[in-house]
N, C-alpha and C. Protein backbone atom coordinates (compact mmCIF):
# COMPACT_ATOMS: atom_id res chain seq x y z
N UNK A 1 0.35 11.37 -6.81
CA UNK A 1 -0.48 10.41 -6.44
C UNK A 1 -0.09 10.42 -4.71
N UNK A 2 -0.47 10.17 -3.92
CA UNK A 2 -0.04 10.30 -2.30
C UNK A 2 0.96 8.89 -2.16
N UNK A 3 1.89 9.53 -1.38
CA UNK A 3 2.19 8.23 -0.59
C UNK A 3 2.21 7.62 0.67
N UNK A 4 1.93 6.70 0.94
CA UNK A 4 0.99 6.31 2.18
C UNK A 4 2.37 5.30 2.65
N UNK A 5 2.87 4.72 4.28
CA UNK A 5 3.69 4.05 4.87
C UNK A 5 2.65 3.70 5.79
N UNK A 6 3.19 1.82 6.02
CA UNK A 6 3.29 1.57 7.19
C UNK A 6 3.30 1.86 8.70
N UNK A 7 1.99 1.44 9.60
CA UNK A 7 2.43 2.26 10.83
C UNK A 7 2.78 1.52 11.79
N UNK A 8 3.97 2.06 12.32
CA UNK A 8 4.88 1.23 13.24
C UNK A 8 4.62 1.67 14.76
N UNK A 9 5.03 0.67 15.62
CA UNK A 9 4.95 1.11 16.97
C UNK A 9 6.04 2.07 17.71
N UNK A 10 6.21 2.03 18.90
CA UNK A 10 7.48 3.06 19.14
C UNK A 10 8.87 2.06 18.59
N UNK A 11 8.85 0.70 18.96
CA UNK A 11 9.83 -0.42 18.89
C UNK A 11 9.96 -0.61 17.74
N UNK A 12 9.09 0.15 16.46
CA UNK A 12 9.71 -0.16 15.03
C UNK A 12 8.63 -1.30 14.60
N UNK A 13 8.11 -1.62 15.21
CA UNK A 13 7.78 -3.14 14.50
C UNK A 13 6.64 -3.18 13.89
N UNK A 14 5.54 -3.34 12.81
CA UNK A 14 4.63 -3.07 12.40
C UNK A 14 2.98 -3.08 13.14
N UNK A 15 2.55 -2.37 13.27
CA UNK A 15 1.20 -2.27 13.61
C UNK A 15 0.00 -3.39 12.69
N UNK A 16 -0.53 -3.94 13.21
CA UNK A 16 -1.42 -5.15 12.74
C UNK A 16 -2.78 -5.35 13.49
N UNK A 17 -3.88 -5.32 12.63
CA UNK A 17 -5.32 -5.87 12.75
C UNK A 17 -6.11 -6.67 12.01
N UNK A 18 -7.40 -6.92 13.10
CA UNK A 18 -7.73 -7.49 11.51
C UNK A 18 -9.21 -7.09 11.86
N UNK A 19 -9.39 -6.42 10.18
CA UNK A 19 -10.22 -5.44 9.13
C UNK A 19 -11.36 -6.57 9.39
N UNK A 20 -12.72 -6.49 9.59
CA UNK A 20 -14.25 -7.15 9.60
C UNK A 20 -14.20 -6.97 8.05
N UNK A 21 -14.33 -8.15 7.10
CA UNK A 21 -14.61 -7.67 5.81
C UNK A 21 -15.83 -6.63 5.62
N UNK A 22 -17.15 -6.70 6.59
CA UNK A 22 -18.35 -5.65 6.17
C UNK A 22 -18.01 -4.20 6.29
N UNK A 23 -16.78 -3.82 6.72
CA UNK A 23 -15.78 -2.92 7.32
C UNK A 23 -15.44 -1.80 5.99
N UNK A 24 -14.59 -3.12 4.63
CA UNK A 24 -14.37 -2.58 4.02
C UNK A 24 -14.73 -1.29 2.94
N UNK A 25 -14.50 -1.04 2.06
CA UNK A 25 -15.56 0.26 1.30
C UNK A 25 -14.86 -0.10 -0.15
N UNK A 26 -13.90 -0.17 -0.25
CA UNK A 26 -13.30 -0.54 -2.05
C UNK A 26 -11.94 -0.77 -1.49
N UNK A 27 -11.50 -1.41 -2.64
CA UNK A 27 -9.69 -1.72 -2.36
C UNK A 27 -9.21 -0.79 -3.06
N UNK A 28 -7.54 -0.51 -3.09
CA UNK A 28 -6.72 0.24 -3.30
C UNK A 28 -5.68 -0.12 -4.15
N UNK A 29 -5.46 0.21 -4.66
CA UNK A 29 -3.96 0.19 -5.99
C UNK A 29 -2.93 0.93 -5.49
N UNK A 30 -2.17 -0.04 -4.75
CA UNK A 30 -1.14 0.45 -4.82
C UNK A 30 0.43 0.19 -5.44
N UNK A 31 1.39 1.23 -5.84
CA UNK A 31 2.37 0.90 -6.55
C UNK A 31 3.63 1.32 -5.10
N UNK A 32 4.45 0.26 -5.42
CA UNK A 32 5.61 0.65 -4.47
C UNK A 32 6.66 1.65 -4.81
N UNK A 33 6.97 2.62 -3.54
CA UNK A 33 8.12 3.62 -4.05
C UNK A 33 9.36 2.75 -4.16
N UNK A 34 10.31 2.45 -5.06
CA UNK A 34 11.28 1.48 -4.96
C UNK A 34 12.70 2.42 -5.69
N UNK A 35 12.98 3.74 -5.32
CA UNK A 35 13.35 4.63 -5.84
C UNK A 35 14.38 4.48 -7.55
N UNK A 36 15.70 4.33 -7.45
CA UNK A 36 16.28 4.43 -8.19
C UNK A 36 17.31 2.81 -8.24
N UNK A 37 17.15 2.47 -7.13
CA UNK A 37 17.86 1.11 -7.59
C UNK A 37 17.16 0.06 -8.50
N UNK A 38 17.36 -1.09 -8.97
CA UNK A 38 16.65 -2.70 -9.69
C UNK A 38 16.22 -3.06 -8.68
N UNK A 39 14.70 -3.53 -8.87
CA UNK A 39 14.35 -4.45 -8.07
C UNK A 39 14.77 -6.00 -8.85
N UNK A 40 14.77 -7.07 -7.92
CA UNK A 40 14.94 -8.23 -7.59
C UNK A 40 14.12 -8.93 -8.73
N UNK A 41 14.99 -10.15 -9.84
CA UNK A 41 14.45 -10.70 -10.82
C UNK A 41 13.55 -11.88 -10.13
N UNK A 42 13.33 -12.30 -8.93
CA UNK A 42 12.70 -13.30 -8.66
C UNK A 42 11.44 -12.38 -7.79
N UNK A 43 11.06 -10.94 -8.31
CA UNK A 43 9.97 -10.76 -7.01
C UNK A 43 8.74 -10.94 -7.64
N UNK A 44 8.09 -11.19 -6.81
CA UNK A 44 6.69 -11.37 -7.56
C UNK A 44 5.49 -10.18 -6.31
N UNK A 45 4.49 -10.39 -7.42
CA UNK A 45 3.35 -9.62 -6.38
C UNK A 45 3.18 -10.12 -4.85
N UNK A 46 3.56 -10.96 -4.33
CA UNK A 46 3.36 -11.92 -3.53
C UNK A 46 4.35 -10.96 -2.52
N UNK A 47 5.64 -10.97 -2.23
CA UNK A 47 6.19 -10.01 -1.54
C UNK A 47 6.21 -8.64 -1.59
N UNK A 48 5.58 -8.11 -2.32
CA UNK A 48 5.43 -6.22 -2.44
C UNK A 48 5.27 -5.73 -1.22
N UNK A 49 3.92 -6.55 -0.33
CA UNK A 49 4.24 -5.70 0.54
C UNK A 49 4.78 -6.17 2.12
N UNK A 50 5.65 -6.87 1.87
CA UNK A 50 7.12 -7.15 2.43
C UNK A 50 8.44 -6.14 2.71
N UNK A 51 8.39 -5.86 0.60
CA UNK A 51 9.95 -5.26 0.74
C UNK A 51 9.72 -3.66 0.75
N UNK A 52 8.86 -3.14 0.20
CA UNK A 52 8.45 -1.55 0.06
C UNK A 52 8.33 -1.15 1.28
N UNK A 53 8.50 0.21 1.70
CA UNK A 53 8.95 0.89 2.79
C UNK A 53 7.62 1.97 3.07
N UNK A 54 7.22 2.28 1.27
CA UNK A 54 6.22 3.01 1.30
C UNK A 54 5.10 2.70 -0.19
N UNK A 55 4.68 3.24 -0.19
CA UNK A 55 3.53 2.65 -1.47
C UNK A 55 2.69 4.25 -2.26
N UNK A 56 2.63 4.30 -3.15
CA UNK A 56 1.81 5.50 -4.02
C UNK A 56 0.38 4.63 -3.92
N UNK A 57 -0.53 5.57 -3.94
CA UNK A 57 -1.95 5.35 -4.48
C UNK A 57 -2.25 6.13 -5.67
N UNK A 58 -3.07 4.80 -6.36
CA UNK A 58 -3.31 5.67 -7.46
C UNK A 58 -4.43 6.02 -7.58
N UNK A 59 -4.36 7.50 -7.79
CA UNK A 59 -5.80 7.65 -7.21
C UNK A 59 -6.55 7.78 -8.81
N UNK A 60 -5.74 7.51 -10.16
CA UNK A 60 -6.57 7.23 -11.54
C UNK A 60 -7.05 6.15 -11.98
N UNK A 61 -6.37 5.07 -11.03
CA UNK A 61 -7.45 3.91 -11.27
C UNK A 61 -8.97 3.69 -11.94
N UNK A 62 -9.91 4.85 -10.59
CA UNK A 62 -11.13 4.55 -10.81
C UNK A 62 -11.73 6.12 -9.98
N UNK A 63 -11.36 6.67 -10.63
CA UNK A 63 -11.80 8.17 -9.78
C UNK A 63 -12.84 8.25 -9.30
N UNK A 64 -13.84 7.72 -9.52
CA UNK A 64 -15.68 7.46 -8.85
C UNK A 64 -15.13 7.31 -7.37
N UNK A 65 -14.73 6.20 -7.12
CA UNK A 65 -14.12 5.45 -6.30
C UNK A 65 -13.34 6.38 -5.08
N UNK A 66 -12.31 7.09 -5.41
CA UNK A 66 -11.48 7.95 -4.58
C UNK A 66 -12.67 9.31 -4.18
N UNK A 67 -13.14 9.78 -5.09
CA UNK A 67 -14.29 10.81 -4.66
C UNK A 67 -14.53 10.31 -3.20
N UNK A 68 -15.32 9.07 -3.18
CA UNK A 68 -16.03 8.47 -1.64
C UNK A 68 -14.73 8.47 -0.85
N UNK A 69 -13.59 7.62 -1.13
CA UNK A 69 -12.50 7.52 0.07
C UNK A 69 -11.95 9.41 0.48
N UNK A 70 -11.67 9.98 -0.91
CA UNK A 70 -11.24 11.42 -0.30
C UNK A 70 -11.76 12.30 -0.05
């Protein structure tokens, strides 16, 4: 699986953009790279984009979609 990381500006702040809905080709199944430490008990999917610094892209969830994107 590929590992991706959010992009940042020179000061380390995340770069954010508005993406128009008509430009999205498909969704992506991301799995947080959490290392060897335990995850907190109260963690929900709502927090996952904020606490992980890198993600695995699950290319096996729908291989036909990833033939288009990659």
